[in-house]
Amino acid sequence: MQLLKKIPALAAALVLAACVAYHPGPARSDALFARIQPGMTQDEVLQIAGRPDQTMPFPMSGNLAWSYFAWDTWGYYIEQSITFGRDGRVQSKYARRINDGGDHK
């Protein structure tokens, strides 16, 4: 019976700990991604945009792509992709719209 009384408090503590441990990084915007330029290092991109949502290596070319998902200025949900070359520096950037825009769903 004592254990049953402690379950709600334990559950609340676990939820709070999970919230504190998760840090999504800076608020994502068009202006944030505009700051990322060719030649930047991976560390510089991490400082600007935080950890990527997805990574994809390209073993044949030695490139690595980082993807970030965000809402753009016009309400479109976008994927912002940053590609690093073998030297670990930004080679290119690419953005694509995922939804029809304006609905934030």
PDB file of N, CA and C in Angstrom:
ATOM      1  N   MET A   1       0.821  -1.197   0.000  1.00  0.00           N
ATOM      2  CA  MET A   1       0.000   0.000   0.000  1.00  0.00           C
ATOM      3  C   MET A   1       0.864   1.261   0.000  1.00  0.00           C
ATOM      4  N   GLN A   2       1.983   1.241   0.729  1.00  0.00           N
ATOM      5  CA  GLN A   2       2.885   2.398   0.762  1.00  0.00           C
ATOM      6  C   GLN A   2       3.444   2.687  -0.638  1.00  0.00           C
ATOM      7  N   LEU A   3       3.760   1.629  -1.378  1.00  0.00           N
ATOM      8  CA  LEU A   3       4.318   1.789  -2.711  1.00  0.00           C
ATOM      9  C   LEU A   3       3.313   2.451  -3.650  1.00  0.00           C
ATOM     10  N   LEU A   4       2.047   2.083  -3.548  1.00  0.00           N
ATOM     11  CA  LEU A   4       1.015   2.680  -4.401  1.00  0.00           C
ATOM     12  C   LEU A   4       0.888   4.177  -4.183  1.00  0.00           C
ATOM     13  N   LYS A   5       1.101   4.638  -2.963  1.00  0.00           N
ATOM     14  CA  LYS A   5       1.013   6.069  -2.664  1.00  0.00           C
ATOM     15  C   LYS A   5       2.183   6.838  -3.275  1.00  0.00           C
ATOM     16  N   LYS A   6       3.308   6.169  -3.505  1.00  0.00           N
ATOM     17  CA  LYS A   6       4.503   6.851  -4.025  1.00  0.00           C
ATOM     18  C   LYS A   6       4.554   6.877  -5.554  1.00  0.00           C
ATOM     19  N   ILE A   7       3.728   6.093  -6.218  1.00  0.00           N
ATOM     20  CA  ILE A   7       3.776   6.002  -7.677  1.00  0.00           C
ATOM     21  C   ILE A   7       3.496   7.351  -8.358  1.00  0.00           C
ATOM     22  N   PRO A   8       2.458   8.113  -7.973  1.00  0.00           N
ATOM     23  CA  PRO A   8       2.237   9.399  -8.647  1.00  0.00           C
ATOM     24  C   PRO A   8       3.416  10.363  -8.488  1.00  0.00           C
ATOM     25  N   ALA A   9       4.017  10.409  -7.322  1.00  0.00           N
ATOM     26  CA  ALA A   9       5.161  11.301  -7.112  1.00  0.00           C
ATOM     27  C   ALA A   9       6.359  10.855  -7.939  1.00  0.00           C
ATOM     28  N   LEU A  10       6.581   9.558  -8.024  1.00  0.00           N
ATOM     29  CA  LEU A  10       7.676   9.023  -8.828  1.00  0.00           C
ATOM     30  C   LEU A  10       7.450   9.315 -10.312  1.00  0.00           C
ATOM     31  N   ALA A  11       6.235   9.131 -10.774  1.00  0.00           N
ATOM     32  CA  ALA A  11       5.918   9.408 -12.175  1.00  0.00           C
ATOM     33  C   ALA A  11       6.143  10.886 -12.495  1.00  0.00           C
ATOM     34  N   ALA A  12       5.714  11.771 -11.615  1.00  0.00           N
ATOM     35  CA  ALA A  12       5.908  13.208 -11.829  1.00  0.00           C
ATOM     36  C   ALA A  12       7.396  13.558 -11.859  1.00  0.00           C
ATOM     37  N   ALA A  13       8.168  12.949 -10.996  1.00  0.00           N
ATOM     38  CA  ALA A  13       9.609  13.204 -10.968  1.00  0.00           C
ATOM     39  C   ALA A  13      10.277  12.744 -12.261  1.00  0.00           C
ATOM     40  N   LEU A  14       9.863  11.600 -12.800  1.00  0.00           N
ATOM     41  CA  LEU A  14      10.432  11.099 -14.041  1.00  0.00           C
ATOM     42  C   LEU A  14      10.088  12.005 -15.222  1.00  0.00           C
ATOM     43  N   VAL A  15       8.862  12.486 -15.278  1.00  0.00           N
ATOM     44  CA  VAL A  15       8.456  13.388 -16.351  1.00  0.00           C
ATOM     45  C   VAL A  15       9.246  14.689 -16.276  1.00  0.00           C
ATOM     46  N   LEU A  16       9.396  15.234 -15.104  1.00  0.00           N
ATOM     47  CA  LEU A  16      10.154  16.468 -14.910  1.00  0.00           C
ATOM     48  C   LEU A  16      11.610  16.274 -15.316  1.00  0.00           C
ATOM     49  N   ALA A  17      12.200  15.154 -14.939  1.00  0.00           N
ATOM     50  CA  ALA A  17      13.592  14.874 -15.297  1.00  0.00           C
ATOM     51  C   ALA A  17      13.749  14.776 -16.808  1.00  0.00           C
ATOM     52  N   ALA A  18      12.801  14.164 -17.482  1.00  0.00           N
ATOM     53  CA  ALA A  18      12.863  14.048 -18.938  1.00  0.00           C
ATOM     54  C   ALA A  18      12.769  15.417 -19.595  1.00  0.00           C
ATOM     55  N   CYS A  19      11.935  16.290 -19.078  1.00  0.00           N
ATOM     56  CA  CYS A  19      11.791  17.634 -19.639  1.00  0.00           C
ATOM     57  C   CYS A  19      13.070  18.444 -19.464  1.00  0.00           C
ATOM     58  N   VAL A  20      13.701  18.322 -18.324  1.00  0.00           N
ATOM     59  CA  VAL A  20      14.927  19.058 -18.050  1.00  0.00           C
ATOM     60  C   VAL A  20      16.059  18.534 -18.933  1.00  0.00           C
ATOM     61  N   ALA A  21      16.108  17.234 -19.172  1.00  0.00           N
ATOM     62  CA  ALA A  21      17.192  16.628 -19.940  1.00  0.00           C
ATOM     63  C   ALA A  21      17.094  16.969 -21.429  1.00  0.00           C
ATOM     64  N   TYR A  22      15.893  17.210 -21.951  1.00  0.00           N
ATOM     65  CA  TYR A  22      15.720  17.485 -23.374  1.00  0.00           C
ATOM     66  C   TYR A  22      15.889  18.964 -23.642  1.00  0.00           C
ATOM     67  N   HIS A  23      16.824  19.309 -24.488  1.00  0.00           N
ATOM     68  CA  HIS A  23      17.021  20.701 -24.892  1.00  0.00           C
ATOM     69  C   HIS A  23      17.062  20.740 -26.410  1.00  0.00           C
ATOM     70  N   PRO A  24      16.003  21.234 -27.071  1.00  0.00           N
ATOM     71  CA  PRO A  24      15.920  21.168 -28.523  1.00  0.00           C
ATOM     72  C   PRO A  24      16.859  22.120 -29.259  1.00  0.00           C
ATOM     73  N   GLY A  25      17.506  23.022 -28.566  1.00  0.00           N
ATOM     74  CA  GLY A  25      18.376  23.981 -29.232  1.00  0.00           C
ATOM     75  C   GLY A  25      17.638  25.281 -29.483  1.00  0.00           C
ATOM     76  N   PRO A  26      18.243  26.165 -30.269  1.00  0.00           N
ATOM     77  CA  PRO A  26      17.635  27.474 -30.511  1.00  0.00           C
ATOM     78  C   PRO A  26      16.355  27.362 -31.341  1.00  0.00           C
ATOM     79  N   ALA A  27      15.509  28.378 -31.231  1.00  0.00           N
ATOM     80  CA  ALA A  27      14.290  28.430 -32.043  1.00  0.00           C
ATOM     81  C   ALA A  27      14.701  28.483 -33.508  1.00  0.00           C
ATOM     82  N   ARG A  28      14.123  27.628 -34.306  1.00  0.00           N
ATOM     83  CA  ARG A  28      14.510  27.532 -35.711  1.00  0.00           C
ATOM     84  C   ARG A  28      13.710  28.509 -36.564  1.00  0.00           C
ATOM     85  N   SER A  29      14.407  29.157 -37.470  1.00  0.00           N
ATOM     86  CA  SER A  29      13.766  30.136 -38.343  1.00  0.00           C
ATOM     87  C   SER A  29      14.579  30.257 -39.630  1.00  0.00           C
ATOM     88  N   ASP A  30      14.023  30.950 -40.605  1.00  0.00           N
ATOM     89  CA  ASP A  30      14.750  31.201 -41.843  1.00  0.00           C
ATOM     90  C   ASP A  30      16.041  31.970 -41.554  1.00  0.00           C
ATOM     91  N   ALA A  31      15.966  32.927 -40.652  1.00  0.00           N
ATOM     92  CA  ALA A  31      17.138  33.741 -40.314  1.00  0.00           C
ATOM     93  C   ALA A  31      18.250  32.889 -39.697  1.00  0.00           C
ATOM     94  N   LEU A  32      17.871  31.923 -38.869  1.00  0.00           N
ATOM     95  CA  LEU A  32      18.870  31.048 -38.255  1.00  0.00           C
ATOM     96  C   LEU A  32      19.610  30.264 -39.333  1.00  0.00           C
ATOM     97  N   PHE A  33      18.881  29.654 -40.263  1.00  0.00           N
ATOM     98  CA  PHE A  33      19.529  28.852 -41.293  1.00  0.00           C
ATOM     99  C   PHE A  33      20.310  29.712 -42.281  1.00  0.00           C
ATOM    100  N   ALA A  34      19.914  30.973 -42.449  1.00  0.00           N
ATOM    101  CA  ALA A  34      20.653  31.876 -43.334  1.00  0.00           C
ATOM    102  C   ALA A  34      22.055  32.155 -42.795  1.00  0.00           C
ATOM    103  N   ARG A  35      22.242  32.006 -41.516  1.00  0.00           N
ATOM    104  CA  ARG A  35      23.561  32.231 -40.899  1.00  0.00           C
ATOM    105  C   ARG A  35      24.552  31.120 -41.232  1.00  0.00           C
ATOM    106  N   ILE A  36      24.076  29.966 -41.639  1.00  0.00           N
ATOM    107  CA  ILE A  36      24.958  28.840 -41.956  1.00  0.00           C
ATOM    108  C   ILE A  36      25.475  29.025 -43.374  1.00  0.00           C
ATOM    109  N   GLN A  37      26.788  29.059 -43.512  1.00  0.00           N
ATOM    110  CA  GLN A  37      27.413  29.355 -44.797  1.00  0.00           C
ATOM    111  C   GLN A  37      28.408  28.263 -45.200  1.00  0.00           C
ATOM    112  N   PRO A  38      28.631  28.103 -46.504  1.00  0.00           N
ATOM    113  CA  PRO A  38      29.636  27.154 -46.969  1.00  0.00           C
ATOM    114  C   PRO A  38      30.994  27.430 -46.313  1.00  0.00           C
ATOM    115  N   GLY A  39      31.682  26.350 -45.966  1.00  0.00           N
ATOM    116  CA  GLY A  39      32.992  26.472 -45.334  1.00  0.00           C
ATOM    117  C   GLY A  39      32.963  26.370 -43.820  1.00  0.00           C
ATOM    118  N   MET A  40      31.768  26.515 -43.213  1.00  0.00           N
ATOM    119  CA  MET A  40      31.673  26.395 -41.753  1.00  0.00           C
ATOM    120  C   MET A  40      31.932  24.952 -41.328  1.00  0.00           C
ATOM    121  N   THR A  41      32.452  24.811 -40.114  1.00  0.00           N
ATOM    122  CA  THR A  41      32.694  23.478 -39.559  1.00  0.00           C
ATOM    123  C   THR A  41      31.415  22.929 -38.932  1.00  0.00           C
ATOM    124  N   GLN A  42      31.421  21.643 -38.639  1.00  0.00           N
ATOM    125  CA  GLN A  42      30.279  21.030 -37.969  1.00  0.00           C
ATOM    126  C   GLN A  42      30.057  21.671 -36.602  1.00  0.00           C
ATOM    127  N   ASP A  43      31.135  21.979 -35.882  1.00  0.00           N
ATOM    128  CA  ASP A  43      30.984  22.628 -34.576  1.00  0.00           C
ATOM    129  C   ASP A  43      30.323  23.993 -34.700  1.00  0.00           C
ATOM    130  N   GLU A  44      30.675  24.741 -35.733  1.00  0.00           N
ATOM    131  CA  GLU A  44      30.052  26.055 -35.937  1.00  0.00           C
ATOM    132  C   GLU A  44      28.565  25.914 -36.224  1.00  0.00           C
ATOM    133  N   VAL A  45      28.198  24.922 -37.023  1.00  0.00           N
ATOM    134  CA  VAL A  45      26.783  24.692 -37.320  1.00  0.00           C
ATOM    135  C   VAL A  45      26.048  24.265 -36.051  1.00  0.00           C
ATOM    136  N   LEU A  46      26.664  23.411 -35.242  1.00  0.00           N
ATOM    137  CA  LEU A  46      26.043  23.005 -33.972  1.00  0.00           C
ATOM    138  C   LEU A  46      25.795  24.200 -33.065  1.00  0.00           C
ATOM    139  N   GLN A  47      26.725  25.143 -33.037  1.00  0.00           N
ATOM    140  CA  GLN A  47      26.552  26.339 -32.204  1.00  0.00           C
ATOM    141  C   GLN A  47      25.390  27.194 -32.675  1.00  0.00           C
ATOM    142  N   ILE A  48      25.171  27.231 -33.974  1.00  0.00           N
ATOM    143  CA  ILE A  48      24.086  28.048 -34.537  1.00  0.00           C
ATOM    144  C   ILE A  48      22.743  27.332 -34.439  1.00  0.00           C
ATOM    145  N   ALA A  49      22.682  26.088 -34.910  1.00  0.00           N
ATOM    146  CA  ALA A  49      21.394  25.406 -35.083  1.00  0.00           C
ATOM    147  C   ALA A  49      21.113  24.307 -34.072  1.00  0.00           C
ATOM    148  N   GLY A  50      22.086  23.917 -33.281  1.00  0.00           N
ATOM    149  CA  GLY A  50      21.875  22.825 -32.343  1.00  0.00           C
ATOM    150  C   GLY A  50      22.008  21.482 -33.046  1.00  0.00           C
ATOM    151  N   ARG A  51      21.644  20.428 -32.336  1.00  0.00           N
ATOM    152  CA  ARG A  51      21.761  19.078 -32.883  1.00  0.00           C
ATOM    153  C   ARG A  51      20.737  18.853 -33.988  1.00  0.00           C
ATOM    154  N   PRO A  52      21.136  18.159 -35.058  1.00  0.00           N
ATOM    155  CA  PRO A  52      20.194  17.897 -36.152  1.00  0.00           C
ATOM    156  C   PRO A  52      19.139  16.873 -35.752  1.00  0.00           C
ATOM    157  N   ASP A  53      18.022  16.904 -36.453  1.00  0.00           N
ATOM    158  CA  ASP A  53      16.957  15.925 -36.230  1.00  0.00           C
ATOM    159  C   ASP A  53      17.303  14.581 -36.865  1.00  0.00           C
ATOM    160  N   GLN A  54      18.022  14.627 -37.980  1.00  0.00           N
ATOM    161  CA  GLN A  54      18.433  13.404 -38.671  1.00  0.00           C
ATOM    162  C   GLN A  54      19.821  13.610 -39.256  1.00  0.00           C
ATOM    163  N   THR A  55      20.548  12.518 -39.382  1.00  0.00           N
ATOM    164  CA  THR A  55      21.822  12.555 -40.096  1.00  0.00           C
ATOM    165  C   THR A  55      21.822  11.432 -41.124  1.00  0.00           C
ATOM    166  N   MET A  56      22.513  11.670 -42.235  1.00  0.00           N
ATOM    167  CA  MET A  56      22.610  10.638 -43.261  1.00  0.00           C
ATOM    168  C   MET A  56      24.011  10.674 -43.868  1.00  0.00           C
ATOM    169  N   PRO A  57      24.773   9.600 -43.668  1.00  0.00           N
ATOM    170  CA  PRO A  57      26.100   9.535 -44.295  1.00  0.00           C
ATOM    171  C   PRO A  57      25.984   9.071 -45.753  1.00  0.00           C
ATOM    172  N   PHE A  58      26.895   9.517 -46.568  1.00  0.00           N
ATOM    173  CA  PHE A  58      27.014   9.088 -47.950  1.00  0.00           C
ATOM    174  C   PHE A  58      28.407   8.488 -48.115  1.00  0.00           C
ATOM    175  N   PRO A  59      28.559   7.190 -47.818  1.00  0.00           N
ATOM    176  CA  PRO A  59      29.873   6.557 -47.784  1.00  0.00           C
ATOM    177  C   PRO A  59      30.665   6.649 -49.093  1.00  0.00           C
ATOM    178  N   MET A  60      30.009   6.583 -50.219  1.00  0.00           N
ATOM    179  CA  MET A  60      30.721   6.608 -51.502  1.00  0.00           C
ATOM    180  C   MET A  60      31.434   7.944 -51.729  1.00  0.00           C
ATOM    181  N   SER A  61      30.804   9.034 -51.321  1.00  0.00           N
ATOM    182  CA  SER A  61      31.402  10.358 -51.532  1.00  0.00           C
ATOM    183  C   SER A  61      32.121  10.868 -50.288  1.00  0.00           C
ATOM    184  N   GLY A  62      31.832  10.252 -49.146  1.00  0.00           N
ATOM    185  CA  GLY A  62      32.419  10.735 -47.897  1.00  0.00           C
ATOM    186  C   GLY A  62      31.690  11.933 -47.324  1.00  0.00           C
ATOM    187  N   ASN A  63      30.539  12.284 -47.891  1.00  0.00           N
ATOM    188  CA  ASN A  63      29.753  13.409 -47.395  1.00  0.00           C
ATOM    189  C   ASN A  63      28.825  12.970 -46.267  1.00  0.00           C
ATOM    190  N   LEU A  64      28.329  13.951 -45.533  1.00  0.00           N
ATOM    191  CA  LEU A  64      27.391  13.725 -44.448  1.00  0.00           C
ATOM    192  C   LEU A  64      26.343  14.824 -44.502  1.00  0.00           C
ATOM    193  N   ALA A  65      25.061  14.458 -44.417  1.00  0.00           N
ATOM    194  CA  ALA A  65      23.981  15.444 -44.423  1.00  0.00           C
ATOM    195  C   ALA A  65      23.313  15.481 -43.057  1.00  0.00           C
ATOM    196  N   TRP A  66      23.043  16.690 -42.600  1.00  0.00           N
ATOM    197  CA  TRP A  66      22.271  16.913 -41.376  1.00  0.00           C
ATOM    198  C   TRP A  66      20.955  17.537 -41.787  1.00  0.00           C
ATOM    199  N   SER A  67      19.848  17.055 -41.225  1.00  0.00           N
ATOM    200  CA  SER A  67      18.528  17.613 -41.522  1.00  0.00           C
ATOM    201  C   SER A  67      17.890  18.192 -40.274  1.00  0.00           C
ATOM    202  N   TYR A  68      17.276  19.344 -40.454  1.00  0.00           N
ATOM    203  CA  TYR A  68      16.534  20.029 -39.394  1.00  0.00           C
ATOM    204  C   TYR A  68      15.122  20.259 -39.915  1.00  0.00           C
ATOM    205  N   PHE A  69      14.131  20.103 -39.063  1.00  0.00           N
ATOM    206  CA  PHE A  69      12.744  20.348 -39.438  1.00  0.00           C
ATOM    207  C   PHE A  69      12.248  21.583 -38.693  1.00  0.00           C
ATOM    208  N   ALA A  70      11.534  22.457 -39.404  1.00  0.00           N
ATOM    209  CA  ALA A  70      11.094  23.718 -38.809  1.00  0.00           C
ATOM    210  C   ALA A  70       9.940  24.293 -39.626  1.00  0.00           C
ATOM    211  N   TRP A  71       9.336  25.362 -39.108  1.00  0.00           N
ATOM    212  CA  TRP A  71       8.318  26.125 -39.829  1.00  0.00           C
ATOM    213  C   TRP A  71       9.003  27.332 -40.437  1.00  0.00           C
ATOM    214  N   ASP A  72       8.761  27.595 -41.719  1.00  0.00           N
ATOM    215  CA  ASP A  72       9.363  28.777 -42.321  1.00  0.00           C
ATOM    216  C   ASP A  72       8.459  29.994 -42.124  1.00  0.00           C
ATOM    217  N   THR A  73       8.916  31.113 -42.636  1.00  0.00           N
ATOM    218  CA  THR A  73       8.210  32.390 -42.467  1.00  0.00           C
ATOM    219  C   THR A  73       6.786  32.357 -43.008  1.00  0.00           C
ATOM    220  N   TRP A  74       6.532  31.559 -44.049  1.00  0.00           N
ATOM    221  CA  TRP A  74       5.229  31.525 -44.701  1.00  0.00           C
ATOM    222  C   TRP A  74       4.327  30.411 -44.188  1.00  0.00           C
ATOM    223  N   GLY A  75       4.740  29.725 -43.138  1.00  0.00           N
ATOM    224  CA  GLY A  75       3.898  28.695 -42.551  1.00  0.00           C
ATOM    225  C   GLY A  75       4.078  27.305 -43.111  1.00  0.00           C
ATOM    226  N   TYR A  76       5.081  27.121 -43.943  1.00  0.00           N
ATOM    227  CA  TYR A  76       5.365  25.787 -44.479  1.00  0.00           C
ATOM    228  C   TYR A  76       6.261  25.017 -43.514  1.00  0.00           C
ATOM    229  N   TYR A  77       5.983  23.741 -43.368  1.00  0.00           N
ATOM    230  CA  TYR A  77       6.877  22.867 -42.609  1.00  0.00           C
ATOM    231  C   TYR A  77       7.986  22.463 -43.569  1.00  0.00           C
ATOM    232  N   ILE A  78       9.235  22.701 -43.204  1.00  0.00           N
ATOM    233  CA  ILE A  78      10.351  22.481 -44.110  1.00  0.00           C
ATOM    234  C   ILE A  78      11.397  21.545 -43.513  1.00  0.00           C
ATOM    235  N   GLU A  79      12.133  20.945 -44.416  1.00  0.00           N
ATOM    236  CA  GLU A  79      13.345  20.232 -44.036  1.00  0.00           C
ATOM    237  C   GLU A  79      14.500  21.066 -44.552  1.00  0.00           C
ATOM    238  N   GLN A  80      15.382  21.459 -43.666  1.00  0.00           N
ATOM    239  CA  GLN A  80      16.580  22.214 -44.016  1.00  0.00           C
ATOM    240  C   GLN A  80      17.748  21.240 -43.931  1.00  0.00           C
ATOM    241  N   SER A  81      18.408  20.980 -45.041  1.00  0.00           N
ATOM    242  CA  SER A  81      19.490  20.005 -45.081  1.00  0.00           C
ATOM    243  C   SER A  81      20.818  20.711 -45.296  1.00  0.00           C
ATOM    244  N   ILE A  82      21.806  20.332 -44.493  1.00  0.00           N
ATOM    245  CA  ILE A  82      23.154  20.881 -44.594  1.00  0.00           C
ATOM    246  C   ILE A  82      24.079  19.716 -44.939  1.00  0.00           C
ATOM    247  N   THR A  83      24.847  19.841 -46.014  1.00  0.00           N
ATOM    248  CA  THR A  83      25.754  18.773 -46.430  1.00  0.00           C
ATOM    249  C   THR A  83      27.196  19.176 -46.152  1.00  0.00           C
ATOM    250  N   PHE A  84      27.910  18.261 -45.486  1.00  0.00           N
ATOM    251  CA  PHE A  84      29.319  18.459 -45.163  1.00  0.00           C
ATOM    252  C   PHE A  84      30.161  17.579 -46.077  1.00  0.00           C
ATOM    253  N   GLY A  85      31.286  18.106 -46.520  1.00  0.00           N
ATOM    254  CA  GLY A  85      32.219  17.336 -47.329  1.00  0.00           C
ATOM    255  C   GLY A  85      33.125  16.476 -46.461  1.00  0.00           C
ATOM    256  N   ARG A  86      34.051  15.794 -47.109  1.00  0.00           N
ATOM    257  CA  ARG A  86      35.013  14.940 -46.397  1.00  0.00           C
ATOM    258  C   ARG A  86      35.795  15.716 -45.334  1.00  0.00           C
ATOM    259  N   ASP A  87      35.997  17.002 -45.572  1.00  0.00           N
ATOM    260  CA  ASP A  87      36.773  17.826 -44.641  1.00  0.00           C
ATOM    261  C   ASP A  87      35.945  18.296 -43.441  1.00  0.00           C
ATOM    262  N   GLY A  88      34.654  17.911 -43.379  1.00  0.00           N
ATOM    263  CA  GLY A  88      33.805  18.289 -42.253  1.00  0.00           C
ATOM    264  C   GLY A  88      33.271  19.706 -42.334  1.00  0.00           C
ATOM    265  N   ARG A  89      33.387  20.318 -43.494  1.00  0.00           N
ATOM    266  CA  ARG A  89      32.902  21.691 -43.669  1.00  0.00           C
ATOM    267  C   ARG A  89      31.665  21.710 -44.570  1.00  0.00           C
ATOM    268  N   VAL A  90      30.812  22.718 -44.355  1.00  0.00           N
ATOM    269  CA  VAL A  90      29.577  22.843 -45.136  1.00  0.00           C
ATOM    270  C   VAL A  90      29.919  22.986 -46.608  1.00  0.00           C
ATOM    271  N   GLN A  91      29.332  22.108 -47.412  1.00  0.00           N
ATOM    272  CA  GLN A  91      29.462  22.179 -48.866  1.00  0.00           C
ATOM    273  C   GLN A  91      28.259  22.854 -49.486  1.00  0.00           C
ATOM    274  N   SER A  92      27.062  22.509 -48.962  1.00  0.00           N
ATOM    275  CA  SER A  92      25.844  23.054 -49.549  1.00  0.00           C
ATOM    276  C   SER A  92      24.701  23.030 -48.539  1.00  0.00           C
ATOM    277  N   LYS A  93      23.649  23.769 -48.880  1.00  0.00           N
ATOM    278  CA  LYS A  93      22.414  23.795 -48.086  1.00  0.00           C
ATOM    279  C   LYS A  93      21.250  23.577 -49.036  1.00  0.00           C
ATOM    280  N   TYR A  94      20.194  22.998 -48.494  1.00  0.00           N
ATOM    281  CA  TYR A  94      19.013  22.732 -49.307  1.00  0.00           C
ATOM    282  C   TYR A  94      17.799  22.769 -48.399  1.00  0.00           C
ATOM    283  N   ALA A  95      16.722  23.397 -48.850  1.00  0.00           N
ATOM    284  CA  ALA A  95      15.471  23.417 -48.089  1.00  0.00           C
ATOM    285  C   ALA A  95      14.347  22.907 -48.983  1.00  0.00           C
ATOM    286  N   ARG A  96      13.459  22.126 -48.378  1.00  0.00           N
ATOM    287  CA  ARG A  96      12.287  21.670 -49.134  1.00  0.00           C
ATOM    288  C   ARG A  96      11.056  21.772 -48.255  1.00  0.00           C
ATOM    289  N   ARG A  97       9.960  22.160 -48.878  1.00  0.00           N
ATOM    290  CA  ARG A  97       8.681  22.259 -48.169  1.00  0.00           C
ATOM    291  C   ARG A  97       8.055  20.878 -48.094  1.00  0.00           C
ATOM    292  N   ILE A  98       7.498  20.575 -46.925  1.00  0.00           N
ATOM    293  CA  ILE A  98       6.914  19.260 -46.692  1.00  0.00           C
ATOM    294  C   ILE A  98       5.393  19.296 -46.753  1.00  0.00           C
ATOM    295  N   ASN A  99       4.770  20.415 -46.360  1.00  0.00           N
ATOM    296  CA  ASN A  99       3.303  20.489 -46.372  1.00  0.00           C
ATOM    297  C   ASN A  99       2.821  21.564 -47.325  1.00  0.00           C
ATOM    298  N   ASP A 100       1.518  21.811 -47.336  1.00  0.00           N
ATOM    299  CA  ASP A 100       0.927  22.795 -48.228  1.00  0.00           C
ATOM    300  C   ASP A 100       1.014  24.220 -47.694  1.00  0.00           C
ATOM    301  N   GLY A 101       1.480  24.378 -46.457  1.00  0.00           N
ATOM    302  CA  GLY A 101       1.704  25.715 -45.912  1.00  0.00           C
ATOM    303  C   GLY A 101       0.523  26.314 -45.189  1.00  0.00           C
ATOM    304  N   GLY A 102       0.853  27.163 -44.230  1.00  0.00           N
ATOM    305  CA  GLY A 102      -0.133  27.949 -43.538  1.00  0.00           C
ATOM    306  C   GLY A 102      -0.982  27.235 -42.511  1.00  0.00           C
ATOM    307  N   ASP A 103      -0.943  25.923 -42.449  1.00  0.00           N
ATOM    308  CA  ASP A 103      -1.858  25.237 -41.532  1.00  0.00           C
ATOM    309  C   ASP A 103      -1.169  24.758 -40.254  1.00  0.00           C
ATOM    310  N   HIS A 104       0.137  24.746 -40.218  1.00  0.00           N
ATOM    311  CA  HIS A 104       0.898  24.312 -39.036  1.00  0.00           C
ATOM    312  C   HIS A 104       0.433  22.962 -38.521  1.00  0.00           C
ATOM    313  N   LYS A 105       0.090  22.047 -39.397  1.00  0.00           N
ATOM    314  CA  LYS A 105      -0.327  20.708 -38.994  1.00  0.00           C
ATOM    315  C   LYS A 105       0.446  19.674 -39.742  1.00  0.00           C
TER     316      LYS A 105
END
